[in-house]
């Protein structure tokens, strides 16, 4: 018999280029989903900087060492949730004066052991 669990698909307003606000809002929504008994949360794509905002090309951070990845992973782990989100990221830092490396998207996942 298949295992059943609650999952939250989160929709949220994203303010282009305002990483601090967007991450704080995502953390609030992760907490709310946990409060409703969710074991898995799926967050919007490019929630940290916004899909069309130019900062996505210039301010994307490394994955998994960047602040957005760490903050969202910590928020989910604190509540024993698995999470998935697609963040703009960088594979390596750009050399000074060089054209920045092209951002890529990376879906992050929590441990499957968190879902019964």
C-alpha atoms as a PDB file:
ATOM      1  CA  UNK A   1       0.000   0.000   0.000  1.00  0.00           C
ATOM      2  CA  UNK A   2       1.423   3.449  -0.929  1.00  0.00           C
ATOM      3  CA  UNK A   3       2.530   5.801   1.808  1.00  0.00           C
ATOM      4  CA  UNK A   4       0.477   8.992   2.103  1.00  0.00           C
ATOM      5  CA  UNK A   5       1.766  12.364   3.250  1.00  0.00           C
ATOM      6  CA  UNK A   6       0.840  16.031   2.973  1.00  0.00           C
ATOM      7  CA  UNK A   7       2.580  18.204   0.415  1.00  0.00           C
ATOM      8  CA  UNK A   8       2.440  22.003   0.067  1.00  0.00           C
ATOM      9  CA  UNK A   9       2.743  23.696  -3.326  1.00  0.00           C
ATOM     10  CA  UNK A  10       3.642  27.260  -2.426  1.00  0.00           C
ATOM     11  CA  UNK A  11       2.684  30.252  -4.533  1.00  0.00           C
ATOM     12  CA  UNK A  12       4.065  33.573  -3.362  1.00  0.00           C
ATOM     13  CA  UNK A  13       4.618  37.081  -4.574  1.00  0.00           C
ATOM     14  CA  UNK A  14       8.259  37.580  -5.600  1.00  0.00           C
ATOM     15  CA  UNK A  15       9.737  41.080  -5.631  1.00  0.00           C
ATOM     16  CA  UNK A  16      12.328  41.218  -8.422  1.00  0.00           C
ATOM     17  CA  UNK A  17      15.843  41.754  -7.104  1.00  0.00           C
ATOM     18  CA  UNK A  18      14.806  41.835  -3.418  1.00  0.00           C
ATOM     19  CA  UNK A  19      16.463  38.661  -2.204  1.00  0.00           C
ATOM     20  CA  UNK A  20      16.128  39.417   1.532  1.00  0.00           C
ATOM     21  CA  UNK A  21      12.365  39.998   1.320  1.00  0.00           C
ATOM     22  CA  UNK A  22      11.767  37.001  -0.924  1.00  0.00           C
ATOM     23  CA  UNK A  23      13.761  34.600   1.257  1.00  0.00           C
ATOM     24  CA  UNK A  24      12.060  35.851   4.442  1.00  0.00           C
ATOM     25  CA  UNK A  25       8.638  35.310   2.851  1.00  0.00           C
ATOM     26  CA  UNK A  26       9.604  31.818   1.673  1.00  0.00           C
ATOM     27  CA  UNK A  27      10.795  30.919   5.180  1.00  0.00           C
ATOM     28  CA  UNK A  28       7.451  32.116   6.608  1.00  0.00           C
ATOM     29  CA  UNK A  29       5.574  29.981   4.115  1.00  0.00           C
ATOM     30  CA  UNK A  30       7.714  26.920   4.894  1.00  0.00           C
ATOM     31  CA  UNK A  31       6.839  27.366   8.576  1.00  0.00           C
ATOM     32  CA  UNK A  32       3.145  27.734   7.725  1.00  0.00           C
ATOM     33  CA  UNK A  33       3.193  24.579   5.591  1.00  0.00           C
ATOM     34  CA  UNK A  34       4.839  22.644   8.430  1.00  0.00           C
ATOM     35  CA  UNK A  35       2.178  23.954  10.794  1.00  0.00           C
ATOM     36  CA  UNK A  36      -0.459  22.381   8.552  1.00  0.00           C
ATOM     37  CA  UNK A  37       1.306  19.018   8.665  1.00  0.00           C
ATOM     38  CA  UNK A  38       3.127  19.084   5.326  1.00  0.00           C
ATOM     39  CA  UNK A  39       6.153  16.826   4.944  1.00  0.00           C
ATOM     40  CA  UNK A  40       7.190  18.200   1.535  1.00  0.00           C
ATOM     41  CA  UNK A  41       7.140  21.807   0.269  1.00  0.00           C
ATOM     42  CA  UNK A  42       7.666  22.907  -3.316  1.00  0.00           C
ATOM     43  CA  UNK A  43       8.523  26.573  -3.776  1.00  0.00           C
ATOM     44  CA  UNK A  44       8.304  28.775  -6.885  1.00  0.00           C
ATOM     45  CA  UNK A  45      11.041  28.890  -9.471  1.00  0.00           C
ATOM     46  CA  UNK A  46      13.701  31.618  -9.048  1.00  0.00           C
ATOM     47  CA  UNK A  47      11.965  32.819  -5.886  1.00  0.00           C
ATOM     48  CA  UNK A  48      15.041  34.595  -4.543  1.00  0.00           C
ATOM     49  CA  UNK A  49      15.572  37.144  -7.345  1.00  0.00           C
ATOM     50  CA  UNK A  50      12.625  36.738  -9.711  1.00  0.00           C
ATOM     51  CA  UNK A  51      12.381  35.140 -13.135  1.00  0.00           C
ATOM     52  CA  UNK A  52      12.602  38.287 -15.276  1.00  0.00           C
ATOM     53  CA  UNK A  53      14.581  40.642 -13.042  1.00  0.00           C
ATOM     54  CA  UNK A  54      18.083  41.483 -14.388  1.00  0.00           C
ATOM     55  CA  UNK A  55      19.634  40.641 -10.997  1.00  0.00           C
ATOM     56  CA  UNK A  56      19.053  36.971 -11.822  1.00  0.00           C
ATOM     57  CA  UNK A  57      21.902  37.272 -14.328  1.00  0.00           C
ATOM     58  CA  UNK A  58      24.285  39.144 -12.020  1.00  0.00           C
ATOM     59  CA  UNK A  59      23.433  38.237  -8.411  1.00  0.00           C
ATOM     60  CA  UNK A  60      22.838  34.491  -8.563  1.00  0.00           C
ATOM     61  CA  UNK A  61      24.849  32.760  -5.829  1.00  0.00           C
ATOM     62  CA  UNK A  62      26.726  29.449  -5.790  1.00  0.00           C
ATOM     63  CA  UNK A  63      24.786  26.284  -5.033  1.00  0.00           C
ATOM     64  CA  UNK A  64      24.982  24.827  -2.383  1.00  0.00           C
ATOM     65  CA  UNK A  65      27.166  27.471  -0.716  1.00  0.00           C
ATOM     66  CA  UNK A  66      25.050  30.540  -1.484  1.00  0.00           C
ATOM     67  CA  UNK A  67      22.753  32.220   1.014  1.00  0.00           C
ATOM     68  CA  UNK A  68      19.435  31.348  -0.729  1.00  0.00           C
ATOM     69  CA  UNK A  69      20.187  27.620  -0.842  1.00  0.00           C
ATOM     70  CA  UNK A  70      21.458  27.534   2.754  1.00  0.00           C
ATOM     71  CA  UNK A  71      18.555  29.563   4.197  1.00  0.00           C
ATOM     72  CA  UNK A  72      15.850  27.528   2.483  1.00  0.00           C
ATOM     73  CA  UNK A  73      17.509  24.203   3.292  1.00  0.00           C
ATOM     74  CA  UNK A  74      17.880  25.246   6.937  1.00  0.00           C
ATOM     75  CA  UNK A  75      14.239  26.389   7.160  1.00  0.00           C
ATOM     76  CA  UNK A  76      13.032  23.049   5.799  1.00  0.00           C
ATOM     77  CA  UNK A  77      15.409  20.939   7.914  1.00  0.00           C
ATOM     78  CA  UNK A  78      14.446  22.815  11.088  1.00  0.00           C
ATOM     79  CA  UNK A  79      10.868  21.660  10.531  1.00  0.00           C
ATOM     80  CA  UNK A  80      11.854  18.181   9.310  1.00  0.00           C
ATOM     81  CA  UNK A  81      10.534  18.845   5.801  1.00  0.00           C
ATOM     82  CA  UNK A  82      11.803  17.879   2.403  1.00  0.00           C
ATOM     83  CA  UNK A  83      11.836  20.814  -0.011  1.00  0.00           C
ATOM     84  CA  UNK A  84      12.197  21.557  -3.684  1.00  0.00           C
ATOM     85  CA  UNK A  85      12.930  24.887  -5.292  1.00  0.00           C
ATOM     86  CA  UNK A  86      14.619  26.030  -8.484  1.00  0.00           C
ATOM     87  CA  UNK A  87      17.122  28.785  -7.778  1.00  0.00           C
ATOM     88  CA  UNK A  88      19.336  30.682 -10.161  1.00  0.00           C
ATOM     89  CA  UNK A  89      22.878  29.669  -9.288  1.00  0.00           C
ATOM     90  CA  UNK A  90      26.491  29.851 -10.364  1.00  0.00           C
ATOM     91  CA  UNK A  91      28.811  26.959 -10.942  1.00  0.00           C
ATOM     92  CA  UNK A  92      31.874  29.059 -10.159  1.00  0.00           C
ATOM     93  CA  UNK A  93      32.684  32.690  -9.315  1.00  0.00           C
ATOM     94  CA  UNK A  94      33.462  35.054 -12.189  1.00  0.00           C
ATOM     95  CA  UNK A  95      37.024  36.334 -12.517  1.00  0.00           C
ATOM     96  CA  UNK A  96      37.367  40.080 -11.825  1.00  0.00           C
ATOM     97  CA  UNK A  97      36.410  41.993 -14.968  1.00  0.00           C
ATOM     98  CA  UNK A  98      35.283  38.845 -16.793  1.00  0.00           C
ATOM     99  CA  UNK A  99      31.804  38.325 -18.157  1.00  0.00           C
ATOM    100  CA  UNK A 100      29.977  36.446 -15.390  1.00  0.00           C
ATOM    101  CA  UNK A 101      29.336  32.753 -15.968  1.00  0.00           C
ATOM    102  CA  UNK A 102      25.864  32.004 -17.226  1.00  0.00           C
ATOM    103  CA  UNK A 103      23.415  31.312 -14.396  1.00  0.00           C
ATOM    104  CA  UNK A 104      21.839  27.894 -14.226  1.00  0.00           C
ATOM    105  CA  UNK A 105      18.875  26.572 -12.311  1.00  0.00           C
ATOM    106  CA  UNK A 106      19.196  23.879  -9.689  1.00  0.00           C
ATOM    107  CA  UNK A 107      16.371  22.038  -7.958  1.00  0.00           C
ATOM    108  CA  UNK A 108      17.269  21.260  -4.363  1.00  0.00           C
ATOM    109  CA  UNK A 109      15.831  18.399  -2.417  1.00  0.00           C
ATOM    110  CA  UNK A 110      15.662  17.446   1.221  1.00  0.00           C
ATOM    111  CA  UNK A 111      16.287  13.930   2.381  1.00  0.00           C
ATOM    112  CA  UNK A 112      13.749  11.374   1.108  1.00  0.00           C
ATOM    113  CA  UNK A 113      14.036   9.788   4.581  1.00  0.00           C
ATOM    114  CA  UNK A 114      11.896  12.673   5.877  1.00  0.00           C
ATOM    115  CA  UNK A 115       8.888  11.354   3.968  1.00  0.00           C
ATOM    116  CA  UNK A 116       7.476   8.160   5.467  1.00  0.00           C
END
